[in-house]
PDB file of all heavy atoms in Angstrom:
ATOM      1  N   SER A   1     -25.028  -8.745 -19.927  1.00  0.00           N
ATOM      2  CA  SER A   1     -25.390  -8.963 -21.327  1.00  0.00           C
ATOM      3  C   SER A   1     -25.792  -7.658 -22.009  1.00  0.00           C
ATOM      4  O   SER A   1     -25.772  -7.549 -23.232  1.00  0.00           O
ATOM      5  CB  SER A   1     -26.528  -9.979 -21.442  1.00  0.00           C
ATOM      6  OG  SER A   1     -27.703  -9.487 -20.836  1.00  0.00           O
ATOM      7  N   ASP A   2     -26.134  -6.640 -21.196  1.00  0.00           N
ATOM      8  CA  ASP A   2     -26.461  -5.322 -21.748  1.00  0.00           C
ATOM      9  C   ASP A   2     -25.213  -4.449 -21.878  1.00  0.00           C
ATOM     10  O   ASP A   2     -25.074  -3.695 -22.837  1.00  0.00           O
ATOM     11  CB  ASP A   2     -27.491  -4.613 -20.867  1.00  0.00           C
ATOM     12  CG  ASP A   2     -28.819  -5.340 -20.807  1.00  0.00           C
ATOM     13  OD1 ASP A   2     -29.170  -5.992 -21.806  1.00  0.00           O
ATOM     14  OD2 ASP A   2     -29.504  -5.276 -19.766  1.00  0.00           O
ATOM     15  N   MET A   3     -24.324  -4.547 -20.896  1.00  0.00           N
ATOM     16  CA  MET A   3     -23.067  -3.792 -20.940  1.00  0.00           C
ATOM     17  C   MET A   3     -22.036  -4.479 -20.054  1.00  0.00           C
ATOM     18  O   MET A   3     -22.333  -4.829 -18.907  1.00  0.00           O
ATOM     19  CB  MET A   3     -23.277  -2.342 -20.471  1.00  0.00           C
ATOM     20  CG  MET A   3     -21.986  -1.528 -20.430  1.00  0.00           C
ATOM     21  SD  MET A   3     -22.243   0.239 -20.177  1.00  0.00           S
ATOM     22  CE  MET A   3     -22.661   0.747 -21.845  1.00  0.00           C
ATOM     23  N   THR A   4     -20.846  -4.655 -20.583  1.00  0.00           N
ATOM     24  CA  THR A   4     -19.788  -5.288 -19.797  1.00  0.00           C
ATOM     25  C   THR A   4     -19.166  -4.262 -18.850  1.00  0.00           C
ATOM     26  O   THR A   4     -19.217  -3.051 -19.110  1.00  0.00           O
ATOM     27  CB  THR A   4     -18.690  -5.854 -20.704  1.00  0.00           C
ATOM     28  OG1 THR A   4     -18.037  -4.764 -21.379  1.00  0.00           O
ATOM     29  CG2 THR A   4     -19.265  -6.823 -21.725  1.00  0.00           C
ATOM     30  N   PRO A   5     -18.560  -4.728 -17.760  1.00  0.00           N
ATOM     31  CA  PRO A   5     -17.900  -3.786 -16.855  1.00  0.00           C
ATOM     32  C   PRO A   5     -16.832  -2.935 -17.536  1.00  0.00           C
ATOM     33  O   PRO A   5     -16.714  -1.738 -17.266  1.00  0.00           O
ATOM     34  CB  PRO A   5     -17.282  -4.696 -15.787  1.00  0.00           C
ATOM     35  CG  PRO A   5     -18.155  -5.901 -15.780  1.00  0.00           C
ATOM     36  CD  PRO A   5     -18.570  -6.104 -17.209  1.00  0.00           C
ATOM     37  N   SER A   6     -16.055  -3.532 -18.442  1.00  0.00           N
ATOM     38  CA  SER A   6     -14.993  -2.759 -19.100  1.00  0.00           C
ATOM     39  C   SER A   6     -15.576  -1.672 -20.006  1.00  0.00           C
ATOM     40  O   SER A   6     -15.045  -0.552 -20.060  1.00  0.00           O
ATOM     41  CB  SER A   6     -14.073  -3.692 -19.892  1.00  0.00           C
ATOM     42  OG  SER A   6     -14.811  -4.475 -20.807  1.00  0.00           O
ATOM     43  N   ASP A   7     -16.669  -1.987 -20.687  1.00  0.00           N
ATOM     44  CA  ASP A   7     -17.305  -0.962 -21.525  1.00  0.00           C
ATOM     45  C   ASP A   7     -17.901   0.155 -20.670  1.00  0.00           C
ATOM     46  O   ASP A   7     -17.838   1.338 -21.032  1.00  0.00           O
ATOM     47  CB  ASP A   7     -18.403  -1.589 -22.393  1.00  0.00           C
ATOM     48  CG  ASP A   7     -17.841  -2.374 -23.569  1.00  0.00           C
ATOM     49  OD1 ASP A   7     -16.663  -2.157 -23.903  1.00  0.00           O
ATOM     50  OD2 ASP A   7     -18.575  -3.202 -24.144  1.00  0.00           O
ATOM     51  N   TRP A   8     -18.477  -0.225 -19.540  1.00  0.00           N
ATOM     52  CA  TRP A   8     -19.057   0.778 -18.632  1.00  0.00           C
ATOM     53  C   TRP A   8     -17.961   1.710 -18.121  1.00  0.00           C
ATOM     54  O   TRP A   8     -18.133   2.922 -18.062  1.00  0.00           O
ATOM     55  CB  TRP A   8     -19.760   0.085 -17.472  1.00  0.00           C
ATOM     56  CG  TRP A   8     -20.555   0.993 -16.576  1.00  0.00           C
ATOM     57  CD1 TRP A   8     -21.873   1.306 -16.676  1.00  0.00           C
ATOM     58  CD2 TRP A   8     -20.070   1.683 -15.416  1.00  0.00           C
ATOM     59  NE1 TRP A   8     -22.250   2.153 -15.658  1.00  0.00           N
ATOM     60  CE2 TRP A   8     -21.154   2.404 -14.870  1.00  0.00           C
ATOM     61  CE3 TRP A   8     -18.827   1.773 -14.784  1.00  0.00           C
ATOM     62  CZ2 TRP A   8     -21.040   3.198 -13.727  1.00  0.00           C
ATOM     63  CZ3 TRP A   8     -18.707   2.562 -13.643  1.00  0.00           C
ATOM     64  CH2 TRP A   8     -19.799   3.263 -13.126  1.00  0.00           C
ATOM     65  N   LEU A   9     -16.822   1.126 -17.737  1.00  0.00           N
ATOM     66  CA  LEU A   9     -15.713   1.936 -17.238  1.00  0.00           C
ATOM     67  C   LEU A   9     -15.235   2.901 -18.313  1.00  0.00           C
ATOM     68  O   LEU A   9     -14.960   4.081 -18.032  1.00  0.00           O
ATOM     69  CB  LEU A   9     -14.566   1.037 -16.793  1.00  0.00           C
ATOM     70  CG  LEU A   9     -13.313   1.753 -16.289  1.00  0.00           C
ATOM     71  CD1 LEU A   9     -13.598   2.523 -15.005  1.00  0.00           C
ATOM     72  CD2 LEU A   9     -12.173   0.750 -16.062  1.00  0.00           C
ATOM     73  N   LYS A  10     -15.144   2.432 -19.536  1.00  0.00           N
ATOM     74  CA  LYS A  10     -14.692   3.283 -20.635  1.00  0.00           C
ATOM     75  C   LYS A  10     -15.642   4.469 -20.835  1.00  0.00           C
ATOM     76  O   LYS A  10     -15.204   5.597 -21.082  1.00  0.00           O
ATOM     77  CB  LYS A  10     -14.603   2.454 -21.918  1.00  0.00           C
ATOM     78  CG  LYS A  10     -14.075   3.218 -23.121  1.00  0.00           C
ATOM     79  CD  LYS A  10     -13.786   2.287 -24.293  1.00  0.00           C
ATOM     80  CE  LYS A  10     -15.046   1.596 -24.773  1.00  0.00           C
ATOM     81  NZ  LYS A  10     -14.786   0.775 -25.985  1.00  0.00           N
ATOM     82  N   ASP A  11     -16.957   4.219 -20.694  1.00  0.00           N
ATOM     83  CA  ASP A  11     -17.939   5.282 -20.894  1.00  0.00           C
ATOM     84  C   ASP A  11     -18.051   6.209 -19.690  1.00  0.00           C
ATOM     85  O   ASP A  11     -18.227   7.426 -19.839  1.00  0.00           O
ATOM     86  CB  ASP A  11     -19.319   4.681 -21.192  1.00  0.00           C
ATOM     87  CG  ASP A  11     -19.372   3.987 -22.531  1.00  0.00           C
ATOM     88  OD1 ASP A  11     -18.440   4.182 -23.338  1.00  0.00           O
ATOM     89  OD2 ASP A  11     -20.341   3.227 -22.769  1.00  0.00           O
ATOM     90  N   ALA A  12     -17.965   5.632 -18.476  1.00  0.00           N
ATOM     91  CA  ALA A  12     -18.223   6.420 -17.270  1.00  0.00           C
ATOM     92  C   ALA A  12     -16.979   7.124 -16.730  1.00  0.00           C
ATOM     93  O   ALA A  12     -17.085   8.149 -16.045  1.00  0.00           O
ATOM     94  CB  ALA A  12     -18.826   5.530 -16.185  1.00  0.00           C
ATOM     95  N   GLY A  13     -15.796   6.581 -17.004  1.00  0.00           N
ATOM     96  CA  GLY A  13     -14.579   7.189 -16.489  1.00  0.00           C
ATOM     97  C   GLY A  13     -14.226   8.490 -17.198  1.00  0.00           C
ATOM     98  O   GLY A  13     -14.661   8.743 -18.319  1.00  0.00           O
ATOM     99  N   LYS A  14     -13.445   9.317 -16.504  1.00  0.00           N
ATOM    100  CA  LYS A  14     -13.015  10.600 -17.072  1.00  0.00           C
ATOM    101  C   LYS A  14     -11.508  10.569 -17.288  1.00  0.00           C
ATOM    102  O   LYS A  14     -10.756  10.038 -16.468  1.00  0.00           O
ATOM    103  CB  LYS A  14     -13.393  11.742 -16.124  1.00  0.00           C
ATOM    104  CG  LYS A  14     -14.900  11.874 -15.908  1.00  0.00           C
ATOM    105  CD  LYS A  14     -15.210  12.974 -14.899  1.00  0.00           C
ATOM    106  CE  LYS A  14     -16.715  13.084 -14.660  1.00  0.00           C
ATOM    107  NZ  LYS A  14     -17.043  14.118 -13.641  1.00  0.00           N
ATOM    108  N   GLU A  15     -11.095  11.157 -18.375  1.00  0.00           N
ATOM    109  CA  GLU A  15      -9.680  11.150 -18.731  1.00  0.00           C
ATOM    110  C   GLU A  15      -8.827  11.647 -17.566  1.00  0.00           C
ATOM    111  O   GLU A  15      -9.146  12.641 -16.916  1.00  0.00           O
ATOM    112  CB  GLU A  15      -9.449  12.020 -19.963  1.00  0.00           C
ATOM    113  CG  GLU A  15      -8.030  11.941 -20.501  1.00  0.00           C
ATOM    114  CD  GLU A  15      -7.854  12.669 -21.813  1.00  0.00           C
ATOM    115  OE1 GLU A  15      -8.861  13.222 -22.326  1.00  0.00           O
ATOM    116  OE2 GLU A  15      -6.728  12.688 -22.323  1.00  0.00           O
ATOM    117  N   GLY A  16      -7.750  10.936 -17.310  1.00  0.00           N
ATOM    118  CA  GLY A  16      -6.832  11.307 -16.232  1.00  0.00           C
ATOM    119  C   GLY A  16      -7.133  10.645 -14.901  1.00  0.00           C
ATOM    120  O   GLY A  16      -6.316  10.741 -13.979  1.00  0.00           O
ATOM    121  N   GLN A  17      -8.268   9.974 -14.774  1.00  0.00           N
ATOM    122  CA  GLN A  17      -8.598   9.341 -13.494  1.00  0.00           C
ATOM    123  C   GLN A  17      -7.712   8.130 -13.242  1.00  0.00           C
ATOM    124  O   GLN A  17      -7.287   7.432 -14.172  1.00  0.00           O
ATOM    125  CB  GLN A  17     -10.076   8.934 -13.472  1.00  0.00           C
ATOM    126  CG  GLN A  17     -11.036  10.100 -13.283  1.00  0.00           C
ATOM    127  CD  GLN A  17     -12.474   9.641 -13.104  1.00  0.00           C
ATOM    128  OE1 GLN A  17     -12.921   8.676 -13.734  1.00  0.00           O
ATOM    129  NE2 GLN A  17     -13.217  10.326 -12.260  1.00  0.00           N
ATOM    130  N   ARG A  18      -7.451   7.881 -11.953  1.00  0.00           N
ATOM    131  CA  ARG A  18      -6.639   6.743 -11.525  1.00  0.00           C
ATOM    132  C   ARG A  18      -7.558   5.735 -10.826  1.00  0.00           C
ATOM    133  O   ARG A  18      -8.196   6.049  -9.823  1.00  0.00           O
ATOM    134  CB  ARG A  18      -5.527   7.201 -10.582  1.00  0.00           C
ATOM    135  CG  ARG A  18      -4.617   8.252 -11.213  1.00  0.00           C
ATOM    136  CD  ARG A  18      -3.583   8.767 -10.232  1.00  0.00           C
ATOM    137  NE  ARG A  18      -2.511   7.800  -9.990  1.00  0.00           N
ATOM    138  CZ  ARG A  18      -2.286   7.218  -8.818  1.00  0.00           C
ATOM    139  NH1 ARG A  18      -3.049   7.484  -7.771  1.00  0.00           N
ATOM    140  NH2 ARG A  18      -1.277   6.354  -8.682  1.00  0.00           N
ATOM    141  N   ILE A  19      -7.624   4.525 -11.369  1.00  0.00           N
ATOM    142  CA  ILE A  19      -8.549   3.493 -10.885  1.00  0.00           C
ATOM    143  C   ILE A  19      -7.738   2.373 -10.240  1.00  0.00           C
ATOM    144  O   ILE A  19      -6.875   1.760 -10.889  1.00  0.00           O
ATOM    145  CB  ILE A  19      -9.402   2.928 -12.035  1.00  0.00           C
ATOM    146  CG1 ILE A  19     -10.034   4.060 -12.862  1.00  0.00           C
ATOM    147  CG2 ILE A  19     -10.456   1.975 -11.496  1.00  0.00           C
ATOM    148  CD1 ILE A  19     -10.975   4.959 -12.096  1.00  0.00           C
ATOM    149  N   GLY A  20      -7.999   2.093  -8.989  1.00  0.00           N
ATOM    150  CA  GLY A  20      -7.273   1.055  -8.272  1.00  0.00           C
ATOM    151  C   GLY A  20      -7.860  -0.326  -8.483  1.00  0.00           C
ATOM    152  O   GLY A  20      -9.039  -0.481  -8.813  1.00  0.00           O
ATOM    153  N   TYR A  21      -7.032  -1.341  -8.287  1.00  0.00           N
ATOM    154  CA  TYR A  21      -7.505  -2.726  -8.359  1.00  0.00           C
ATOM    155  C   TYR A  21      -6.569  -3.608  -7.544  1.00  0.00           C
ATOM    156  O   TYR A  21      -5.406  -3.273  -7.292  1.00  0.00           O
ATOM    157  CB  TYR A  21      -7.586  -3.218  -9.812  1.00  0.00           C
ATOM    158  CG  TYR A  21      -6.246  -3.420 -10.477  1.00  0.00           C
ATOM    159  CD1 TYR A  21      -5.664  -4.687 -10.547  1.00  0.00           C
ATOM    160  CD2 TYR A  21      -5.546  -2.342 -11.040  1.00  0.00           C
ATOM    161  CE1 TYR A  21      -4.429  -4.866 -11.153  1.00  0.00           C
ATOM    162  CE2 TYR A  21      -4.318  -2.524 -11.652  1.00  0.00           C
ATOM    163  CZ  TYR A  21      -3.768  -3.793 -11.698  1.00  0.00           C
ATOM    164  OH  TYR A  21      -2.541  -3.986 -12.285  1.00  0.00           O
ATOM    165  N   ASP A  22      -7.084  -4.741  -7.106  1.00  0.00           N
ATOM    166  CA  ASP A  22      -6.317  -5.725  -6.352  1.00  0.00           C
ATOM    167  C   ASP A  22      -5.840  -6.789  -7.342  1.00  0.00           C
ATOM    168  O   ASP A  22      -6.642  -7.574  -7.849  1.00  0.00           O
ATOM    169  CB  ASP A  22      -7.206  -6.354  -5.276  1.00  0.00           C
ATOM    170  CG  ASP A  22      -6.467  -7.344  -4.393  1.00  0.00           C
ATOM    171  OD1 ASP A  22      -5.394  -7.822  -4.796  1.00  0.00           O
ATOM    172  OD2 ASP A  22      -6.981  -7.664  -3.289  1.00  0.00           O
ATOM    173  N   PRO A  23      -4.554  -6.852  -7.652  1.00  0.00           N
ATOM    174  CA  PRO A  23      -4.072  -7.771  -8.699  1.00  0.00           C
ATOM    175  C   PRO A  23      -4.226  -9.249  -8.344  1.00  0.00           C
ATOM    176  O   PRO A  23      -4.093 -10.100  -9.224  1.00  0.00           O
ATOM    177  CB  PRO A  23      -2.598  -7.382  -8.853  1.00  0.00           C
ATOM    178  CG  PRO A  23      -2.230  -6.739  -7.558  1.00  0.00           C
ATOM    179  CD  PRO A  23      -3.458  -6.046  -7.074  1.00  0.00           C
ATOM    180  N   LYS A  24      -4.526  -9.564  -7.084  1.00  0.00           N
ATOM    181  CA  LYS A  24      -4.724 -10.967  -6.718  1.00  0.00           C
ATOM    182  C   LYS A  24      -6.138 -11.459  -7.030  1.00  0.00           C
ATOM    183  O   LYS A  24      -6.395 -12.663  -6.965  1.00  0.00           O
ATOM    184  CB  LYS A  24      -4.431 -11.164  -5.226  1.00  0.00           C
ATOM    185  CG  LYS A  24      -2.962 -10.993  -4.867  1.00  0.00           C
ATOM    186  CD  LYS A  24      -2.723 -11.262  -3.400  1.00  0.00           C
ATOM    187  CE  LYS A  24      -1.235 -11.118  -3.056  1.00  0.00           C
ATOM    188  NZ  LYS A  24      -0.987 -11.351  -1.610  1.00  0.00           N
ATOM    189  N   LEU A  25      -7.036 -10.532  -7.368  1.00  0.00           N
ATOM    190  CA  LEU A  25      -8.434 -10.906  -7.585  1.00  0.00           C
ATOM    191  C   LEU A  25      -8.846 -10.878  -9.048  1.00  0.00           C
ATOM    192  O   LEU A  25      -9.946 -11.333  -9.382  1.00  0.00           O
ATOM    193  CB  LEU A  25      -9.365  -9.977  -6.789  1.00  0.00           C
ATOM    194  CG  LEU A  25      -9.156  -9.910  -5.274  1.00  0.00           C
ATOM    195  CD1 LEU A  25     -10.233  -9.054  -4.638  1.00  0.00           C
ATOM    196  CD2 LEU A  25      -9.138 -11.311  -4.659  1.00  0.00           C
ATOM    197  N   HIS A  26      -8.014 -10.353  -9.913  1.00  0.00           N
ATOM    198  CA  HIS A  26      -8.356 -10.228 -11.330  1.00  0.00           C
ATOM    199  C   HIS A  26      -7.563 -11.232 -12.155  1.00  0.00           C
ATOM    200  O   HIS A  26      -6.336 -11.326 -12.023  1.00  0.00           O
ATOM    201  CB  HIS A  26      -8.039  -8.820 -11.844  1.00  0.00           C
ATOM    202  CG  HIS A  26      -8.882  -7.754 -11.230  1.00  0.00           C
ATOM    203  ND1 HIS A  26      -9.992  -7.234 -11.852  1.00  0.00           N
ATOM    204  CD2 HIS A  26      -8.788  -7.123 -10.026  1.00  0.00           C
ATOM    205  CE1 HIS A  26     -10.541  -6.310 -11.068  1.00  0.00           C
ATOM    206  NE2 HIS A  26      -9.830  -6.231  -9.958  1.00  0.00           N
ATOM    207  N   THR A  27      -8.265 -11.980 -13.016  1.00  0.00           N
ATOM    208  CA  THR A  27      -7.549 -12.874 -13.923  1.00  0.00           C
ATOM    209  C   THR A  27      -6.773 -12.039 -14.934  1.00  0.00           C
ATOM    210  O   THR A  27      -7.097 -10.876 -15.199  1.00  0.00           O
ATOM    211  CB  THR A  27      -8.514 -13.801 -14.671  1.00  0.00           C
ATOM    212  OG1 THR A  27      -9.343 -13.017 -15.546  1.00  0.00           O
ATOM    213  CG2 THR A  27      -9.387 -14.589 -13.708  1.00  0.00           C
ATOM    214  N   LEU A  28      -5.768 -12.658 -15.510  1.00  0.00           N
ATOM    215  CA  LEU A  28      -4.947 -11.950 -16.491  1.00  0.00           C
ATOM    216  C   LEU A  28      -5.788 -11.533 -17.699  1.00  0.00           C
ATOM    217  O   LEU A  28      -5.694 -10.394 -18.169  1.00  0.00           O
ATOM    218  CB  LEU A  28      -3.787 -12.844 -16.925  1.00  0.00           C
ATOM    219  CG  LEU A  28      -2.744 -12.221 -17.860  1.00  0.00           C
ATOM    220  CD1 LEU A  28      -2.163 -10.958 -17.261  1.00  0.00           C
ATOM    221  CD2 LEU A  28      -1.638 -13.239 -18.152  1.00  0.00           C
ATOM    222  N   ASP A  29      -6.625 -12.440 -18.188  1.00  0.00           N
ATOM    223  CA  ASP A  29      -7.494 -12.103 -19.318  1.00  0.00           C
ATOM    224  C   ASP A  29      -8.443 -10.966 -18.971  1.00  0.00           C
ATOM    225  O   ASP A  29      -8.626 -10.020 -19.749  1.00  0.00           O
ATOM    226  CB  ASP A  29      -8.316 -13.323 -19.742  1.00  0.00           C
ATOM    227  CG  ASP A  29      -7.538 -14.275 -20.636  1.00  0.00           C
ATOM    228  OD1 ASP A  29      -6.428 -13.915 -21.065  1.00  0.00           O
ATOM    229  OD2 ASP A  29      -8.055 -15.373 -20.909  1.00  0.00           O
ATOM    230  N   GLY A  30      -9.061 -11.058 -17.807  1.00  0.00           N
ATOM    231  CA  GLY A  30     -10.021 -10.032 -17.396  1.00  0.00           C
ATOM    232  C   GLY A  30      -9.363  -8.678 -17.234  1.00  0.00           C
ATOM    233  O   GLY A  30      -9.912  -7.647 -17.655  1.00  0.00           O
ATOM    234  N   PHE A  31      -8.180  -8.677 -16.643  1.00  0.00           N
ATOM    235  CA  PHE A  31      -7.478  -7.405 -16.442  1.00  0.00           C
ATOM    236  C   PHE A  31      -7.121  -6.760 -17.780  1.00  0.00           C
ATOM    237  O   PHE A  31      -7.221  -5.537 -17.939  1.00  0.00           O
ATOM    238  CB  PHE A  31      -6.212  -7.627 -15.625  1.00  0.00           C
ATOM    239  CG  PHE A  31      -5.325  -6.418 -15.570  1.00  0.00           C
ATOM    240  CD1 PHE A  31      -5.660  -5.335 -14.773  1.00  0.00           C
ATOM    241  CD2 PHE A  31      -4.178  -6.347 -16.352  1.00  0.00           C
ATOM    242  CE1 PHE A  31      -4.853  -4.206 -14.743  1.00  0.00           C
ATOM    243  CE2 PHE A  31      -3.373  -5.228 -16.321  1.00  0.00           C
ATOM    244  CZ  PHE A  31      -3.712  -4.148 -15.519  1.00  0.00           C
TER     245      PHE A  31
END
């Protein structure tokens, strides 16, 4: 409620970084 994961990633990530994910665990909306 203070910060969503996607907003945190946008703030904490650095341009050019490659972030992995398991496509079987993420909903389409969430991804």
